Amino acid sequence: YLHLLFLSNMKTIICDVDGTITNIWPIEKSVLLYMTDRKFERDIDIIKLSGISDTYKIFLKFSNQKMSKKKYTDFYNQSFSILWKNGALPALEKYPLVNWIFANKDKYRFVYATGGQRLETRYVLESLNVAKYFDLENSMDKTTCRFSKKTGIPFRKIKSKFKDCVLFSDSKTDCNGATLAKIPFILVKPKQNYFDFIL
């Protein structure tokens, strides 16, 4: 009973994924190269550096196929699955927050909120060896919530289950969404080393 009471009173940490615990661009780039027969490697990097981060928009710039967003998402997920099955996905950089999660795995409940695909996010968490510390069932991705984080809706869904929560994200847009959901946030810098937060 005391253990269940402790779990119910635990503060929940909502983690953004890309830019907060790792950089997922190497994965996205690998999938895009597979989808475009590796014809535009240099050009894809240039587009990314120009500030376009939506992989669908990048894909449309180089593909002869003018497909819908839904068909693109299906194609992306299929391509990702093939690369994962073949062991062809790149290794991921572990940002310092990953070590903080491990050090505090018994102190907080962890969920993620991402605009990315579920399969891709699960791969990231497994690759960083933190999937087992996350409440995957109550996390938010494109599969579980079609609304972007800037609307605050994914955060409200999490807050409806876990009242005492705080967001960790490197995105000001995410933090604005958390404000709409009346959730406190900590704006982190990618690769930030200091995570001895008083929560």
Protein backbone atom coordinates (compact mmCIF):
# COMPACT_ATOMS: atom_id res chain seq x y z
CA TYR A 1 0.00 0.00 0.00
CA LEU A 2 2.76 2.42 0.90
CA HIS A 3 4.54 1.64 -2.39
CA LEU A 4 1.36 2.37 -4.38
CA LEU A 5 0.87 5.60 -2.44
CA PHE A 6 4.44 6.64 -3.24
CA LEU A 7 3.93 5.93 -6.94
CA SER A 8 0.70 7.93 -7.01
CA ASN A 9 2.46 10.91 -5.40
CA MET A 10 5.56 10.83 -7.62
CA LYS A 11 6.30 13.93 -9.69
CA THR A 12 6.12 13.16 -13.41
CA ILE A 13 8.85 14.40 -15.73
CA ILE A 14 7.69 14.99 -19.30
CA CYS A 15 10.69 14.67 -21.61
CA ASP A 16 10.98 16.03 -25.08
CA VAL A 17 13.13 13.70 -27.20
CA ASP A 18 14.90 15.41 -30.11
CA GLY A 19 17.36 18.03 -28.88
CA THR A 20 16.72 17.14 -25.25
CA ILE A 21 17.99 13.60 -24.76
CA THR A 22 19.62 13.10 -28.18
CA ASN A 23 19.79 14.37 -31.74
CA ILE A 24 17.58 12.26 -33.99
CA TRP A 25 18.60 13.93 -37.27
CA PRO A 26 21.09 11.11 -38.07
CA ILE A 27 18.15 8.68 -37.99
CA GLU A 28 15.89 10.92 -40.06
CA LYS A 29 18.66 11.49 -42.58
CA SER A 30 19.31 7.75 -42.91
CA VAL A 31 15.62 7.11 -43.57
CA LEU A 32 15.37 9.96 -46.09
CA LEU A 33 18.43 8.68 -47.94
CA TYR A 34 16.89 5.21 -48.10
CA MET A 35 13.60 6.66 -49.37
CA THR A 36 15.38 8.64 -52.12
CA ASP A 37 17.84 5.91 -53.15
CA ARG A 38 20.74 7.84 -51.56
CA LYS A 39 20.83 10.32 -54.43
CA PHE A 40 20.72 13.57 -52.48
CA GLU A 41 22.94 13.19 -49.41
CA ARG A 42 24.68 16.56 -49.70
CA ASP A 43 21.49 18.35 -50.75
CA ILE A 44 19.53 16.93 -47.80
CA ASP A 45 22.12 18.31 -45.40
CA ILE A 46 21.95 21.73 -47.04
CA ILE A 47 18.16 21.83 -46.73
CA LYS A 48 18.37 20.80 -43.08
CA LEU A 49 20.96 23.52 -42.36
CA SER A 50 18.69 26.08 -44.03
CA GLY A 51 16.25 25.60 -41.16
CA ILE A 52 13.76 23.15 -42.64
CA SER A 53 13.41 20.29 -40.17
CA ASP A 54 10.11 18.72 -41.28
CA THR A 55 11.18 15.50 -43.01
CA TYR A 56 8.05 15.51 -45.19
CA LYS A 57 8.97 18.91 -46.62
CA ILE A 58 12.55 17.78 -47.18
CA PHE A 59 11.36 14.64 -48.92
CA LEU A 60 9.07 16.56 -51.29
CA LYS A 61 12.00 18.72 -52.44
CA PHE A 62 13.86 15.69 -53.79
CA SER A 63 11.27 13.07 -54.60
CA ASN A 64 9.50 12.74 -57.92
CA GLN A 65 6.57 11.26 -56.00
CA LYS A 66 4.06 13.88 -54.87
CA MET A 67 2.48 11.83 -52.12
CA SER A 68 0.13 12.83 -49.35
CA LYS A 69 1.35 13.29 -45.79
CA LYS A 70 -0.34 10.04 -44.76
CA LYS A 71 1.28 8.03 -47.55
CA TYR A 72 4.61 9.65 -46.74
CA THR A 73 4.26 8.71 -43.07
CA ASP A 74 3.51 5.10 -44.01
CA PHE A 75 6.49 5.06 -46.40
CA TYR A 76 8.75 6.62 -43.75
CA ASN A 77 7.73 4.08 -41.11
CA GLN A 78 8.17 1.17 -43.53
CA SER A 79 11.63 2.43 -44.49
CA PHE A 80 12.56 2.96 -40.84
CA SER A 81 11.45 -0.59 -39.99
CA ILE A 82 13.57 -2.07 -42.79
CA LEU A 83 16.65 -0.15 -41.67
CA TRP A 84 16.08 -1.17 -38.04
CA LYS A 85 15.62 -4.83 -38.99
CA ASN A 86 18.81 -4.73 -41.06
CA GLY A 87 20.81 -3.01 -38.33
CA ALA A 88 21.42 -0.08 -40.65
CA LEU A 89 20.39 2.77 -38.36
CA PRO A 90 23.15 5.02 -36.99
CA ALA A 91 24.27 5.11 -33.37
CA LEU A 92 22.80 7.93 -31.30
CA GLU A 93 24.58 10.49 -29.17
CA LYS A 94 23.60 10.29 -25.52
CA TYR A 95 22.94 13.75 -24.07
CA PRO A 96 23.69 14.34 -20.35
CA LEU A 97 20.00 14.31 -19.42
CA VAL A 98 19.99 10.55 -20.12
CA ASN A 99 22.40 10.03 -17.22
CA TRP A 100 20.20 12.25 -15.04
CA ILE A 101 17.18 10.09 -15.89
CA PHE A 102 19.10 6.97 -14.90
CA ALA A 103 20.27 8.55 -11.64
CA ASN A 104 16.70 9.58 -10.77
CA LYS A 105 14.79 6.58 -12.14
CA ASP A 106 13.37 5.72 -8.72
CA LYS A 107 12.56 9.29 -7.76
CA TYR A 108 10.35 10.40 -10.65
CA ARG A 109 7.94 8.96 -13.18
CA PHE A 110 9.11 9.63 -16.75
CA VAL A 111 6.95 10.04 -19.84
CA TYR A 112 7.84 11.46 -23.22
CA ALA A 113 6.03 13.96 -25.41
CA THR A 114 7.22 14.10 -28.99
CA GLY A 115 5.95 15.09 -32.40
CA GLY A 116 7.80 12.11 -33.82
CA GLN A 117 6.64 8.65 -34.79
CA ARG A 118 6.12 6.03 -32.07
CA LEU A 119 8.35 3.36 -33.63
CA GLU A 120 11.20 5.83 -34.08
CA THR A 121 10.83 7.13 -30.51
CA ARG A 122 10.85 3.63 -29.04
CA TYR A 123 14.03 2.88 -31.00
CA VAL A 124 15.65 6.02 -29.59
CA LEU A 125 14.75 5.13 -26.00
CA GLU A 126 15.91 1.55 -26.42
CA SER A 127 19.17 2.66 -28.04
CA LEU A 128 19.86 4.99 -25.12
CA ASN A 129 18.93 2.22 -22.66
CA VAL A 130 16.22 4.24 -20.92
CA ALA A 131 13.03 2.74 -22.38
CA LYS A 132 12.45 0.69 -19.22
CA TYR A 133 12.37 3.87 -17.12
CA PHE A 134 9.56 5.47 -19.14
CA ASP A 135 5.84 5.01 -18.74
CA LEU A 136 5.36 4.26 -22.44
CA GLU A 137 1.62 3.69 -22.19
CA ASN A 138 0.99 7.24 -20.99
CA SER A 139 3.52 8.98 -23.25
CA MET A 140 2.54 11.12 -26.24
CA ASP A 141 3.60 10.82 -29.88
CA LYS A 142 1.96 11.20 -33.29
CA THR A 143 0.21 7.88 -32.83
CA THR A 144 -1.44 8.77 -29.53
CA CYS A 145 -2.09 12.47 -30.17
CA ARG A 146 -2.33 14.11 -33.59
CA PHE A 147 -2.13 17.63 -32.13
CA SER A 148 1.22 19.38 -31.92
CA LYS A 149 2.78 20.22 -28.57
CA LYS A 150 2.45 23.95 -29.21
CA THR A 151 -1.33 23.59 -28.78
CA GLY A 152 -0.80 22.30 -25.25
CA ILE A 153 -3.15 19.37 -25.93
CA PRO A 154 -0.59 16.54 -25.54
CA PHE A 155 0.48 18.07 -22.24
CA ARG A 156 -3.11 18.38 -21.05
CA LYS A 157 -3.61 14.68 -21.78
CA ILE A 158 -0.65 13.82 -19.59
CA LYS A 159 -1.70 16.24 -16.87
CA SER A 160 -5.16 14.67 -16.75
CA LYS A 161 -3.47 11.52 -15.43
CA PHE A 162 -0.53 13.00 -13.55
CA LYS A 163 -1.32 16.34 -11.90
CA ASP A 164 2.17 16.99 -10.56
CA CYS A 165 4.31 17.20 -13.68
CA VAL A 166 7.04 19.32 -15.25
CA LEU A 167 8.35 19.52 -18.81
CA PHE A 168 12.01 19.25 -19.84
CA SER A 169 12.53 20.54 -23.37
CA ASP A 170 15.02 22.46 -25.51
CA SER A 171 12.13 23.96 -27.49
CA LYS A 172 10.60 27.33 -26.62
CA THR A 173 7.55 26.30 -28.65
CA ASP A 174 7.12 23.23 -26.44
CA CYS A 175 7.45 25.41 -23.36
CA ASN A 176 4.76 27.75 -24.70
CA GLY A 177 2.49 24.72 -25.12
CA ALA A 178 3.23 23.66 -21.55
CA THR A 179 2.26 27.16 -20.39
CA LEU A 180 -1.11 26.78 -22.15
CA ALA A 181 -1.58 23.50 -20.28
CA LYS A 182 -0.51 25.22 -17.03
CA ILE A 183 2.46 22.90 -16.62
CA PRO A 184 5.79 24.26 -15.35
CA PHE A 185 8.79 23.72 -17.60
CA ILE A 186 12.56 23.77 -17.63
CA LEU A 187 14.06 25.03 -20.88
CA VAL A 188 17.28 23.07 -21.34
CA LYS A 189 20.13 23.50 -23.77
CA PRO A 190 21.18 20.56 -25.93
CA LYS A 191 24.08 18.75 -24.24
CA GLN A 192 23.52 20.78 -21.05
CA ASN A 193 25.57 19.17 -18.30
CA TYR A 194 23.94 20.42 -15.14
CA PHE A 195 20.71 18.65 -14.17
CA ASP A 196 20.68 18.88 -10.39
CA PHE A 197 17.31 20.56 -10.57
CA ILE A 198 15.30 21.19 -7.44
CA LEU A 199 11.86 19.91 -8.40
